[in-house]
Amino acid sequence: MKPDANEKGRVVVSLAGHDAGVWYAVLGTEPDGRLRLCDGENHKLLKPKIKRSKHVRPLPLTVPVDGKGGSGGPVTDGDIRKALKEARLAYEAATAFQPKADPVQDKEEEALVQE
């Protein structure tokens, strides 16, 4: 099942615009369905990035965006930055070791099947 981009705390990657490739945490949605996004650096909790959901790719990761942060108080921009960094490292480590198809071997197998 594909992750829901509208879920609060969902990690998404921007696909379009000058910020393509930037990882964000979803803070919530606007009444018109656009997402409020925060990366803790350029787009902070008090002034989130507003982006359409079709311009982001949701990942199967979530980070805490409300409640208590690392310092025991409310979640801060530093907590968001740290959580996104850890999520990115974990995601890249998990997907880096997946075997990829070898195009040369695939062509060789196709040639053997056709003969």
PDB file of N, CA and C in Angstrom:
ATOM      1  N   MET A   1       0.841  -1.183   0.000  1.00  0.00           N
ATOM      2  CA  MET A   1       0.000   0.000   0.000  1.00  0.00           C
ATOM      3  C   MET A   1       0.886   1.246   0.000  1.00  0.00           C
ATOM      4  N   LYS A   2       0.536   2.187  -0.830  1.00  0.00           N
ATOM      5  CA  LYS A   2       1.303   3.416  -0.955  1.00  0.00           C
ATOM      6  C   LYS A   2       1.072   4.310   0.264  1.00  0.00           C
ATOM      7  N   PRO A   3       2.143   4.916   0.804  1.00  0.00           N
ATOM      8  CA  PRO A   3       1.977   5.803   1.958  1.00  0.00           C
ATOM      9  C   PRO A   3       1.133   7.025   1.610  1.00  0.00           C
ATOM     10  N   ASP A   4       0.373   7.511   2.585  1.00  0.00           N
ATOM     11  CA  ASP A   4      -0.492   8.668   2.402  1.00  0.00           C
ATOM     12  C   ASP A   4       0.299   9.949   2.644  1.00  0.00           C
ATOM     13  N   ALA A   5       0.370  10.816   1.649  1.00  0.00           N
ATOM     14  CA  ALA A   5       1.123  12.065   1.762  1.00  0.00           C
ATOM     15  C   ALA A   5       0.451  13.047   2.716  1.00  0.00           C
ATOM     16  N   ASN A   6      -0.839  12.881   2.990  1.00  0.00           N
ATOM     17  CA  ASN A   6      -1.561  13.804   3.858  1.00  0.00           C
ATOM     18  C   ASN A   6      -1.395  13.487   5.337  1.00  0.00           C
ATOM     19  N   GLU A   7      -0.748  12.381   5.665  1.00  0.00           N
ATOM     20  CA  GLU A   7      -0.579  11.979   7.061  1.00  0.00           C
ATOM     21  C   GLU A   7       0.406  12.906   7.769  1.00  0.00           C
ATOM     22  N   LYS A   8       0.011  13.382   8.939  1.00  0.00           N
ATOM     23  CA  LYS A   8       0.863  14.274   9.722  1.00  0.00           C
ATOM     24  C   LYS A   8       2.120  13.525  10.154  1.00  0.00           C
ATOM     25  N   GLY A   9       3.288  14.111   9.895  1.00  0.00           N
ATOM     26  CA  GLY A   9       4.555  13.491  10.238  1.00  0.00           C
ATOM     27  C   GLY A   9       5.164  12.665   9.114  1.00  0.00           C
ATOM     28  N   ARG A  10       4.423  12.453   8.021  1.00  0.00           N
ATOM     29  CA  ARG A  10       4.927  11.667   6.887  1.00  0.00           C
ATOM     30  C   ARG A  10       6.127  12.367   6.269  1.00  0.00           C
ATOM     31  N   VAL A  11       7.145  11.620   5.913  1.00  0.00           N
ATOM     32  CA  VAL A  11       8.322  12.156   5.225  1.00  0.00           C
ATOM     33  C   VAL A  11       8.045  12.102   3.727  1.00  0.00           C
ATOM     34  N   VAL A  12       8.256  13.232   3.055  1.00  0.00           N
ATOM     35  CA  VAL A  12       8.041  13.315   1.614  1.00  0.00           C
ATOM     36  C   VAL A  12       9.275  13.930   0.964  1.00  0.00           C
ATOM     37  N   VAL A  13       9.438  13.633  -0.320  1.00  0.00           N
ATOM     38  CA  VAL A  13      10.527  14.210  -1.113  1.00  0.00           C
ATOM     39  C   VAL A  13       9.893  15.050  -2.204  1.00  0.00           C
ATOM     40  N   SER A  14      10.378  16.269  -2.349  1.00  0.00           N
ATOM     41  CA  SER A  14       9.866  17.164  -3.376  1.00  0.00           C
ATOM     42  C   SER A  14      10.287  16.667  -4.761  1.00  0.00           C
ATOM     43  N   LEU A  15       9.330  16.618  -5.692  1.00  0.00           N
ATOM     44  CA  LEU A  15       9.601  16.158  -7.050  1.00  0.00           C
ATOM     45  C   LEU A  15       9.717  17.300  -8.049  1.00  0.00           C
ATOM     46  N   ALA A  16       9.086  18.424  -7.743  1.00  0.00           N
ATOM     47  CA  ALA A  16       9.012  19.512  -8.717  1.00  0.00           C
ATOM     48  C   ALA A  16       9.376  20.839  -8.059  1.00  0.00           C
ATOM     49  N   GLY A  17       9.849  21.761  -8.889  1.00  0.00           N
ATOM     50  CA  GLY A  17      10.193  23.090  -8.412  1.00  0.00           C
ATOM     51  C   GLY A  17      11.678  23.224  -8.140  1.00  0.00           C
ATOM     52  N   HIS A  18      12.054  24.399  -7.658  1.00  0.00           N
ATOM     53  CA  HIS A  18      13.474  24.646  -7.397  1.00  0.00           C
ATOM     54  C   HIS A  18      13.997  23.846  -6.212  1.00  0.00           C
ATOM     55  N   ASP A  19      13.093  23.283  -5.424  1.00  0.00           N
ATOM     56  CA  ASP A  19      13.486  22.498  -4.259  1.00  0.00           C
ATOM     57  C   ASP A  19      13.403  20.991  -4.511  1.00  0.00           C
ATOM     58  N   ALA A  20      13.419  20.561  -5.754  1.00  0.00           N
ATOM     59  CA  ALA A  20      13.322  19.133  -6.078  1.00  0.00           C
ATOM     60  C   ALA A  20      14.427  18.355  -5.371  1.00  0.00           C
ATOM     61  N   GLY A  21      14.050  17.257  -4.734  1.00  0.00           N
ATOM     62  CA  GLY A  21      14.994  16.420  -4.022  1.00  0.00           C
ATOM     63  C   GLY A  21      15.108  16.720  -2.541  1.00  0.00           C
ATOM     64  N   VAL A  22      14.471  17.788  -2.069  1.00  0.00           N
ATOM     65  CA  VAL A  22      14.528  18.154  -0.650  1.00  0.00           C
ATOM     66  C   VAL A  22      13.547  17.283   0.133  1.00  0.00           C
ATOM     67  N   TRP A  23      13.974  16.808   1.295  1.00  0.00           N
ATOM     68  CA  TRP A  23      13.134  15.991   2.173  1.00  0.00           C
ATOM     69  C   TRP A  23      12.406  16.900   3.145  1.00  0.00           C
ATOM     70  N   TYR A  24      11.115  16.663   3.321  1.00  0.00           N
ATOM     71  CA  TYR A  24      10.269  17.450   4.217  1.00  0.00           C
ATOM     72  C   TYR A  24       9.470  16.528   5.126  1.00  0.00           C
ATOM     73  N   ALA A  25       8.992  17.084   6.222  1.00  0.00           N
ATOM     74  CA  ALA A  25       8.018  16.428   7.088  1.00  0.00           C
ATOM     75  C   ALA A  25       6.690  17.152   6.891  1.00  0.00           C
ATOM     76  N   VAL A  26       5.601  16.405   6.786  1.00  0.00           N
ATOM     77  CA  VAL A  26       4.274  16.996   6.599  1.00  0.00           C
ATOM     78  C   VAL A  26       3.763  17.466   7.956  1.00  0.00           C
ATOM     79  N   LEU A  27       3.408  18.762   8.025  1.00  0.00           N
ATOM     80  CA  LEU A  27       2.852  19.319   9.252  1.00  0.00           C
ATOM     81  C   LEU A  27       1.333  19.242   9.260  1.00  0.00           C
ATOM     82  N   GLY A  28       0.735  19.216   8.089  1.00  0.00           N
ATOM     83  CA  GLY A  28      -0.720  19.174   7.976  1.00  0.00           C
ATOM     84  C   GLY A  28      -1.134  19.563   6.574  1.00  0.00           C
ATOM     85  N   THR A  29      -2.426  19.778   6.407  1.00  0.00           N
ATOM     86  CA  THR A  29      -2.945  20.163   5.093  1.00  0.00           C
ATOM     87  C   THR A  29      -3.703  21.473   5.183  1.00  0.00           C
ATOM     88  N   GLU A  30      -3.729  22.185   4.086  1.00  0.00           N
ATOM     89  CA  GLU A  30      -4.517  23.405   3.956  1.00  0.00           C
ATOM     90  C   GLU A  30      -5.949  23.007   3.598  1.00  0.00           C
ATOM     91  N   PRO A  31      -6.906  23.908   3.745  1.00  0.00           N
ATOM     92  CA  PRO A  31      -8.288  23.574   3.379  1.00  0.00           C
ATOM     93  C   PRO A  31      -8.462  23.164   1.909  1.00  0.00           C
ATOM     94  N   ASP A  32      -7.588  23.664   1.023  1.00  0.00           N
ATOM     95  CA  ASP A  32      -7.694  23.323  -0.400  1.00  0.00           C
ATOM     96  C   ASP A  32      -6.928  22.052  -0.751  1.00  0.00           C
ATOM     97  N   GLY A  33      -6.351  21.359   0.241  1.00  0.00           N
ATOM     98  CA  GLY A  33      -5.678  20.092   0.001  1.00  0.00           C
ATOM     99  C   GLY A  33      -4.178  20.174  -0.155  1.00  0.00           C
ATOM    100  N   ARG A  34      -3.618  21.390  -0.218  1.00  0.00           N
ATOM    101  CA  ARG A  34      -2.163  21.515  -0.313  1.00  0.00           C
ATOM    102  C   ARG A  34      -1.528  21.134   1.019  1.00  0.00           C
ATOM    103  N   LEU A  35      -0.269  20.730   0.968  1.00  0.00           N
ATOM    104  CA  LEU A  35       0.443  20.271   2.155  1.00  0.00           C
ATOM    105  C   LEU A  35       1.268  21.394   2.765  1.00  0.00           C
ATOM    106  N   ARG A  36       1.353  21.409   4.092  1.00  0.00           N
ATOM    107  CA  ARG A  36       2.267  22.307   4.808  1.00  0.00           C
ATOM    108  C   ARG A  36       3.487  21.473   5.179  1.00  0.00           C
ATOM    109  N   LEU A  37       4.659  21.868   4.658  1.00  0.00           N
ATOM    110  CA  LEU A  37       5.880  21.079   4.793  1.00  0.00           C
ATOM    111  C   LEU A  37       6.954  21.846   5.556  1.00  0.00           C
ATOM    112  N   CYS A  38       7.758  21.110   6.310  1.00  0.00           N
ATOM    113  CA  CYS A  38       8.831  21.712   7.097  1.00  0.00           C
ATOM    114  C   CYS A  38      10.091  20.867   6.938  1.00  0.00           C
ATOM    115  N   ASP A  39      11.238  21.536   6.758  1.00  0.00           N
ATOM    116  CA  ASP A  39      12.510  20.817   6.760  1.00  0.00           C
ATOM    117  C   ASP A  39      13.391  21.251   7.925  1.00  0.00           C
ATOM    118  N   GLY A  40      12.929  22.232   8.697  1.00  0.00           N
ATOM    119  CA  GLY A  40      13.679  22.697   9.857  1.00  0.00           C
ATOM    120  C   GLY A  40      14.814  23.633   9.529  1.00  0.00           C
ATOM    121  N   GLU A  41      15.102  23.840   8.259  1.00  0.00           N
ATOM    122  CA  GLU A  41      16.194  24.709   7.844  1.00  0.00           C
ATOM    123  C   GLU A  41      15.651  25.925   7.103  1.00  0.00           C
ATOM    124  N   ASN A  42      15.311  25.727   5.841  1.00  0.00           N
ATOM    125  CA  ASN A  42      14.799  26.827   5.020  1.00  0.00           C
ATOM    126  C   ASN A  42      13.319  27.077   5.280  1.00  0.00           C
ATOM    127  N   HIS A  43      12.594  26.037   5.604  1.00  0.00           N
ATOM    128  CA  HIS A  43      11.159  26.152   5.874  1.00  0.00           C
ATOM    129  C   HIS A  43      10.914  25.624   7.276  1.00  0.00           C
ATOM    130  N   LYS A  44      10.735  26.558   8.192  1.00  0.00           N
ATOM    131  CA  LYS A  44      10.646  26.224   9.610  1.00  0.00           C
ATOM    132  C   LYS A  44       9.197  25.971  10.026  1.00  0.00           C
ATOM    133  N   LEU A  45       9.026  25.560  11.266  1.00  0.00           N
ATOM    134  CA  LEU A  45       7.697  25.247  11.788  1.00  0.00           C
ATOM    135  C   LEU A  45       6.744  26.447  11.714  1.00  0.00           C
ATOM    136  N   LEU A  46       7.265  27.640  11.944  1.00  0.00           N
ATOM    137  CA  LEU A  46       6.408  28.833  11.942  1.00  0.00           C
ATOM    138  C   LEU A  46       6.100  29.358  10.549  1.00  0.00           C
ATOM    139  N   LYS A  47       6.889  28.975   9.547  1.00  0.00           N
ATOM    140  CA  LYS A  47       6.646  29.416   8.170  1.00  0.00           C
ATOM    141  C   LYS A  47       6.895  28.241   7.231  1.00  0.00           C
ATOM    142  N   PRO A  48       5.949  27.288   7.183  1.00  0.00           N
ATOM    143  CA  PRO A  48       6.162  26.082   6.375  1.00  0.00           C
ATOM    144  C   PRO A  48       6.008  26.347   4.879  1.00  0.00           C
ATOM    145  N   LYS A  49       6.557  25.446   4.096  1.00  0.00           N
ATOM    146  CA  LYS A  49       6.422  25.454   2.637  1.00  0.00           C
ATOM    147  C   LYS A  49       5.046  24.899   2.302  1.00  0.00           C
ATOM    148  N   ILE A  50       4.351  25.531   1.380  1.00  0.00           N
ATOM    149  CA  ILE A  50       3.050  25.049   0.924  1.00  0.00           C
ATOM    150  C   ILE A  50       3.251  24.445  -0.463  1.00  0.00           C
ATOM    151  N   LYS A  51       2.844  23.180  -0.630  1.00  0.00           N
ATOM    152  CA  LYS A  51       3.097  22.480  -1.891  1.00  0.00           C
ATOM    153  C   LYS A  51       1.956  21.514  -2.162  1.00  0.00           C
ATOM    154  N   ARG A  52       1.624  21.345  -3.433  1.00  0.00           N
ATOM    155  CA  ARG A  52       0.587  20.381  -3.814  1.00  0.00           C
ATOM    156  C   ARG A  52       1.088  18.963  -3.608  1.00  0.00           C
ATOM    157  N   SER A  53       0.182  18.086  -3.240  1.00  0.00           N
ATOM    158  CA  SER A  53       0.576  16.706  -2.942  1.00  0.00           C
ATOM    159  C   SER A  53       1.059  15.969  -4.184  1.00  0.00           C
ATOM    160  N   LYS A  54       0.641  16.388  -5.373  1.00  0.00           N
ATOM    161  CA  LYS A  54       1.111  15.710  -6.581  1.00  0.00           C
ATOM    162  C   LYS A  54       2.567  16.057  -6.899  1.00  0.00           C
ATOM    163  N   HIS A  55       3.120  17.058  -6.221  1.00  0.00           N
ATOM    164  CA  HIS A  55       4.507  17.457  -6.449  1.00  0.00           C
ATOM    165  C   HIS A  55       5.474  16.876  -5.423  1.00  0.00           C
ATOM    166  N   VAL A  56       4.993  15.929  -4.606  1.00  0.00           N
ATOM    167  CA  VAL A  56       5.863  15.266  -3.640  1.00  0.00           C
ATOM    168  C   VAL A  56       5.664  13.757  -3.730  1.00  0.00           C
ATOM    169  N   ARG A  57       6.692  13.014  -3.309  1.00  0.00           N
ATOM    170  CA  ARG A  57       6.596  11.554  -3.237  1.00  0.00           C
ATOM    171  C   ARG A  57       6.647  11.151  -1.765  1.00  0.00           C
ATOM    172  N   PRO A  58       5.580  10.556  -1.251  1.00  0.00           N
ATOM    173  CA  PRO A  58       5.600  10.117   0.145  1.00  0.00           C
ATOM    174  C   PRO A  58       6.481   8.885   0.315  1.00  0.00           C
ATOM    175  N   LEU A  59       7.204   8.838   1.397  1.00  0.00           N
ATOM    176  CA  LEU A  59       8.059   7.703   1.719  1.00  0.00           C
ATOM    177  C   LEU A  59       7.442   6.921   2.884  1.00  0.00           C
ATOM    178  N   PRO A  60       7.811   5.674   3.054  1.00  0.00           N
ATOM    179  CA  PRO A  60       7.239   4.877   4.145  1.00  0.00           C
ATOM    180  C   PRO A  60       7.904   5.188   5.488  1.00  0.00           C
ATOM    181  N   LEU A  61       8.100   6.466   5.774  1.00  0.00           N
ATOM    182  CA  LEU A  61       8.742   6.909   7.005  1.00  0.00           C
ATOM    183  C   LEU A  61       7.914   8.020   7.625  1.00  0.00           C
ATOM    184  N   THR A  62       7.931   8.104   8.950  1.00  0.00           N
ATOM    185  CA  THR A  62       7.298   9.226   9.640  1.00  0.00           C
ATOM    186  C   THR A  62       8.261   9.755  10.691  1.00  0.00           C
ATOM    187  N   VAL A  63       8.109  11.033  11.018  1.00  0.00           N
ATOM    188  CA  VAL A  63       8.887  11.667  12.078  1.00  0.00           C
ATOM    189  C   VAL A  63       7.919  12.405  12.986  1.00  0.00           C
ATOM    190  N   PRO A  64       8.259  12.570  14.263  1.00  0.00           N
ATOM    191  CA  PRO A  64       7.368  13.310  15.164  1.00  0.00           C
ATOM    192  C   PRO A  64       7.390  14.804  14.839  1.00  0.00           C
ATOM    193  N   VAL A  65       6.215  15.391  14.670  1.00  0.00           N
ATOM    194  CA  VAL A  65       6.132  16.822  14.378  1.00  0.00           C
ATOM    195  C   VAL A  65       5.365  17.590  15.449  1.00  0.00           C
ATOM    196  N   ASP A  66       4.810  16.887  16.414  1.00  0.00           N
ATOM    197  CA  ASP A  66       4.176  17.561  17.544  1.00  0.00           C
ATOM    198  C   ASP A  66       4.386  16.719  18.790  1.00  0.00           C
ATOM    199  N   GLY A  67       4.032  17.257  19.918  1.00  0.00           N
ATOM    200  CA  GLY A  67       4.302  16.564  21.176  1.00  0.00           C
ATOM    201  C   GLY A  67       5.614  17.033  21.761  1.00  0.00           C
ATOM    202  N   LYS A  68       6.317  16.111  22.423  1.00  0.00           N
ATOM    203  CA  LYS A  68       7.581  16.470  23.059  1.00  0.00           C
ATOM    204  C   LYS A  68       8.753  16.199  22.132  1.00  0.00           C
ATOM    205  N   GLY A  69       9.669  17.152  22.108  1.00  0.00           N
ATOM    206  CA  GLY A  69      10.867  17.005  21.304  1.00  0.00           C
ATOM    207  C   GLY A  69      11.994  16.406  22.112  1.00  0.00           C
ATOM    208  N   GLY A  70      13.177  16.442  21.554  1.00  0.00           N
ATOM    209  CA  GLY A  70      14.347  15.860  22.196  1.00  0.00           C
ATOM    210  C   GLY A  70      14.734  16.552  23.486  1.00  0.00           C
ATOM    211  N   SER A  71      14.421  17.828  23.635  1.00  0.00           N
ATOM    212  CA  SER A  71      14.790  18.569  24.835  1.00  0.00           C
ATOM    213  C   SER A  71      13.737  18.459  25.934  1.00  0.00           C
ATOM    214  N   GLY A  72      12.651  17.740  25.666  1.00  0.00           N
ATOM    215  CA  GLY A  72      11.587  17.601  26.655  1.00  0.00           C
ATOM    216  C   GLY A  72      10.485  18.621  26.480  1.00  0.00           C
ATOM    217  N   GLY A  73      10.730  19.662  25.717  1.00  0.00           N
ATOM    218  CA  GLY A  73       9.717  20.667  25.429  1.00  0.00           C
ATOM    219  C   GLY A  73       9.024  20.340  24.122  1.00  0.00           C
ATOM    220  N   PRO A  74       8.345  21.316  23.547  1.00  0.00           N
ATOM    221  CA  PRO A  74       7.702  21.066  22.251  1.00  0.00           C
ATOM    222  C   PRO A  74       8.734  20.820  21.149  1.00  0.00           C
ATOM    223  N   VAL A  75       8.290  20.173  20.082  1.00  0.00           N
ATOM    224  CA  VAL A  75       9.167  19.880  18.940  1.00  0.00           C
ATOM    225  C   VAL A  75       9.687  21.185  18.356  1.00  0.00           C
ATOM    226  N   THR A  76      10.985  21.212  18.067  1.00  0.00           N
ATOM    227  CA  THR A  76      11.615  22.399  17.494  1.00  0.00           C
ATOM    228  C   THR A  76      12.099  22.099  16.085  1.00  0.00           C
ATOM    229  N   ASP A  77      12.570  23.140  15.410  1.00  0.00           N
ATOM    230  CA  ASP A  77      13.132  22.971  14.070  1.00  0.00           C
ATOM    231  C   ASP A  77      14.355  22.055  14.107  1.00  0.00           C
ATOM    232  N   GLY A  78      15.138  22.127  15.171  1.00  0.00           N
ATOM    233  CA  GLY A  78      16.300  21.249  15.318  1.00  0.00           C
ATOM    234  C   GLY A  78      15.893  19.782  15.424  1.00  0.00           C
ATOM    235  N   ASP A  79      14.785  19.522  16.129  1.00  0.00           N
ATOM    236  CA  ASP A  79      14.283  18.146  16.231  1.00  0.00           C
ATOM    237  C   ASP A  79      13.857  17.624  14.861  1.00  0.00           C
ATOM    238  N   ILE A  80      13.218  18.485  14.068  1.00  0.00           N
ATOM    239  CA  ILE A  80      12.779  18.108  12.713  1.00  0.00           C
ATOM    240  C   ILE A  80      14.003  17.818  11.842  1.00  0.00           C
ATOM    241  N   ARG A  81      15.006  18.701  11.890  1.00  0.00           N
ATOM    242  CA  ARG A  81      16.227  18.493  11.094  1.00  0.00           C
ATOM    243  C   ARG A  81      16.891  17.170  11.452  1.00  0.00           C
ATOM    244  N   LYS A  82      17.026  16.906  12.743  1.00  0.00           N
ATOM    245  CA  LYS A  82      17.676  15.684  13.203  1.00  0.00           C
ATOM    246  C   LYS A  82      16.889  14.452  12.780  1.00  0.00           C
ATOM    247  N   ALA A  83      15.570  14.493  12.935  1.00  0.00           N
ATOM    248  CA  ALA A  83      14.732  13.349  12.567  1.00  0.00           C
ATOM    249  C   ALA A  83      14.776  13.091  11.072  1.00  0.00           C
ATOM    250  N   LEU A  84      14.751  14.153  10.254  1.00  0.00           N
ATOM    251  CA  LEU A  84      14.813  13.975   8.799  1.00  0.00           C
ATOM    252  C   LEU A  84      16.175  13.427   8.373  1.00  0.00           C
ATOM    253  N   LYS A  85      17.238  13.883   9.018  1.00  0.00           N
ATOM    254  CA  LYS A  85      18.570  13.387   8.688  1.00  0.00           C
ATOM    255  C   LYS A  85      18.676  11.900   9.007  1.00  0.00           C
ATOM    256  N   GLU A  86      18.197  11.497  10.200  1.00  0.00           N
ATOM    257  CA  GLU A  86      18.238  10.090  10.591  1.00  0.00           C
ATOM    258  C   GLU A  86      17.365   9.241   9.673  1.00  0.00           C
ATOM    259  N   ALA A  87      16.184   9.762   9.301  1.00  0.00           N
ATOM    260  CA  ALA A  87      15.283   9.031   8.410  1.00  0.00           C
ATOM    261  C   ALA A  87      15.925   8.848   7.039  1.00  0.00           C
ATOM    262  N   ARG A  88      16.589   9.881   6.551  1.00  0.00           N
ATOM    263  CA  ARG A  88      17.233   9.791   5.236  1.00  0.00           C
ATOM    264  C   ARG A  88      18.365   8.771   5.242  1.00  0.00           C
ATOM    265  N   LEU A  89      19.193   8.797   6.285  1.00  0.00           N
ATOM    266  CA  LEU A  89      20.287   7.838   6.381  1.00  0.00           C
ATOM    267  C   LEU A  89      19.759   6.409   6.462  1.00  0.00           C
ATOM    268  N   ALA A  90      18.717   6.198   7.246  1.00  0.00           N
ATOM    269  CA  ALA A  90      18.134   4.859   7.380  1.00  0.00           C
ATOM    270  C   ALA A  90      17.517   4.397   6.068  1.00  0.00           C
ATOM    271  N   TYR A  91      16.819   5.292   5.383  1.00  0.00           N
ATOM    272  CA  TYR A  91      16.159   4.939   4.123  1.00  0.00           C
ATOM    273  C   TYR A  91      17.192   4.618   3.047  1.00  0.00           C
ATOM    274  N   GLU A  92      18.225   5.443   2.952  1.00  0.00           N
ATOM    275  CA  GLU A  92      19.253   5.209   1.936  1.00  0.00           C
ATOM    276  C   GLU A  92      20.034   3.929   2.230  1.00  0.00           C
ATOM    277  N   ALA A  93      20.267   3.622   3.488  1.00  0.00           N
ATOM    278  CA  ALA A  93      20.963   2.387   3.843  1.00  0.00           C
ATOM    279  C   ALA A  93      20.101   1.169   3.516  1.00  0.00           C
ATOM    280  N   ALA A  94      18.808   1.276   3.752  1.00  0.00           N
ATOM    281  CA  ALA A  94      17.906   0.151   3.491  1.00  0.00           C
ATOM    282  C   ALA A  94      17.720  -0.098   2.001  1.00  0.00           C
ATOM    283  N   THR A  95      17.738   0.949   1.192  1.00  0.00           N
ATOM    284  CA  THR A  95      17.510   0.779  -0.241  1.00  0.00           C
ATOM    285  C   THR A  95      18.794   0.613  -1.034  1.00  0.00           C
ATOM    286  N   ALA A  96      19.948   0.866  -0.418  1.00  0.00           N
ATOM    287  CA  ALA A  96      21.216   0.794  -1.146  1.00  0.00           C
ATOM    288  C   ALA A  96      21.634  -0.637  -1.465  1.00  0.00           C
ATOM    289  N   PHE A  97      21.210  -1.599  -0.659  1.00  0.00           N
ATOM    290  CA  PHE A  97      21.665  -2.969  -0.829  1.00  0.00           C
ATOM    291  C   PHE A  97      20.680  -3.848  -1.576  1.00  0.00           C
ATOM    292  N   GLN A  98      19.666  -3.262  -2.156  1.00  0.00           N
ATOM    293  CA  GLN A  98      18.733  -4.058  -2.949  1.00  0.00           C
ATOM    294  C   GLN A  98      19.402  -4.410  -4.272  1.00  0.00           C
ATOM    295  N   PRO A  99      19.372  -5.679  -4.660  1.00  0.00           N
ATOM    296  CA  PRO A  99      20.016  -6.058  -5.921  1.00  0.00           C
ATOM    297  C   PRO A  99      19.297  -5.432  -7.111  1.00  0.00           C
ATOM    298  N   LYS A 100      20.084  -4.930  -8.014  1.00  0.00           N
ATOM    299  CA  LYS A 100      19.527  -4.322  -9.219  1.00  0.00           C
ATOM    300  C   LYS A 100      19.755  -5.271 -10.386  1.00  0.00           C
ATOM    301  N   ALA A 101      18.868  -5.212 -11.329  1.00  0.00           N
ATOM    302  CA  ALA A 101      18.972  -6.091 -12.499  1.00  0.00           C
ATOM    303  C   ALA A 101      20.200  -5.705 -13.321  1.00  0.00           C
ATOM    304  N   ASP A 102      20.911  -6.703 -13.793  1.00  0.00           N
ATOM    305  CA  ASP A 102      22.073  -6.488 -14.637  1.00  0.00           C
ATOM    306  C   ASP A 102      21.610  -6.536 -16.084  1.00  0.00           C
ATOM    307  N   PRO A 103      21.634  -5.399 -16.804  1.00  0.00           N
ATOM    308  CA  PRO A 103      21.119  -5.387 -18.179  1.00  0.00           C
ATOM    309  C   PRO A 103      21.868  -6.330 -19.115  1.00  0.00           C
ATOM    310  N   VAL A 104      23.167  -6.524 -18.896  1.00  0.00           N
ATOM    311  CA  VAL A 104      23.939  -7.426 -19.758  1.00  0.00           C
ATOM    312  C   VAL A 104      23.476  -8.862 -19.541  1.00  0.00           C
ATOM    313  N   GLN A 105      23.308  -9.265 -18.299  1.00  0.00           N
ATOM    314  CA  GLN A 105      22.871 -10.623 -17.993  1.00  0.00           C
ATOM    315  C   GLN A 105      21.454 -10.850 -18.520  1.00  0.00           C
ATOM    316  N   ASP A 106      20.584  -9.854 -18.392  1.00  0.00           N
ATOM    317  CA  ASP A 106      19.223  -9.989 -18.899  1.00  0.00           C
ATOM    318  C   ASP A 106      19.216 -10.219 -20.411  1.00  0.00           C
ATOM    319  N   LYS A 107      20.067  -9.499 -21.149  1.00  0.00           N
ATOM    320  CA  LYS A 107      20.129  -9.672 -22.601  1.00  0.00           C
ATOM    321  C   LYS A 107      20.643 -11.052 -22.965  1.00  0.00           C
ATOM    322  N   GLU A 108      21.626 -11.554 -22.189  1.00  0.00           N
ATOM    323  CA  GLU A 108      22.157 -12.867 -22.439  1.00  0.00           C
ATOM    324  C   GLU A 108      21.073 -13.941 -22.216  1.00  0.00           C
ATOM    325  N   GLU A 109      20.280 -13.792 -21.158  1.00  0.00           N
ATOM    326  CA  GLU A 109      19.206 -14.734 -20.891  1.00  0.00           C
ATOM    327  C   GLU A 109      18.153 -14.697 -21.976  1.00  0.00           C
ATOM    328  N   GLU A 110      17.827 -13.490 -22.465  1.00  0.00           N
ATOM    329  CA  GLU A 110      16.855 -13.366 -23.551  1.00  0.00           C
ATOM    330  C   GLU A 110      17.379 -14.031 -24.815  1.00  0.00           C
ATOM    331  N   ALA A 111      18.682 -13.905 -25.100  1.00  0.00           N
ATOM    332  CA  ALA A 111      19.270 -14.520 -26.290  1.00  0.00           C
ATOM    333  C   ALA A 111      19.200 -16.047 -26.212  1.00  0.00           C
ATOM    334  N   LEU A 112      19.419 -16.586 -25.020  1.00  0.00           N
ATOM    335  CA  LEU A 112      19.355 -18.029 -24.846  1.00  0.00           C
ATOM    336  C   LEU A 112      17.933 -18.540 -25.012  1.00  0.00           C
ATOM    337  N   VAL A 113      16.968 -17.783 -24.562  1.00  0.00           N
ATOM    338  CA  VAL A 113      15.570 -18.217 -24.651  1.00  0.00           C
ATOM    339  C   VAL A 113      15.096 -18.170 -26.086  1.00  0.00           C
ATOM    340  N   GLN A 114      15.560 -17.220 -26.887  1.00  0.00           N
ATOM    341  CA  GLN A 114      15.103 -17.070 -28.264  1.00  0.00           C
ATOM    342  C   GLN A 114      15.650 -18.157 -29.180  1.00  0.00           C
ATOM    343  N   GLU A 115      16.780 -18.776 -28.862  1.00  0.00           N
ATOM    344  CA  GLU A 115      17.396 -19.759 -29.750  1.00  0.00           C
ATOM    345  C   GLU A 115      16.662 -21.057 -29.780  1.00  0.00           C
TER     346      GLU A 115
END
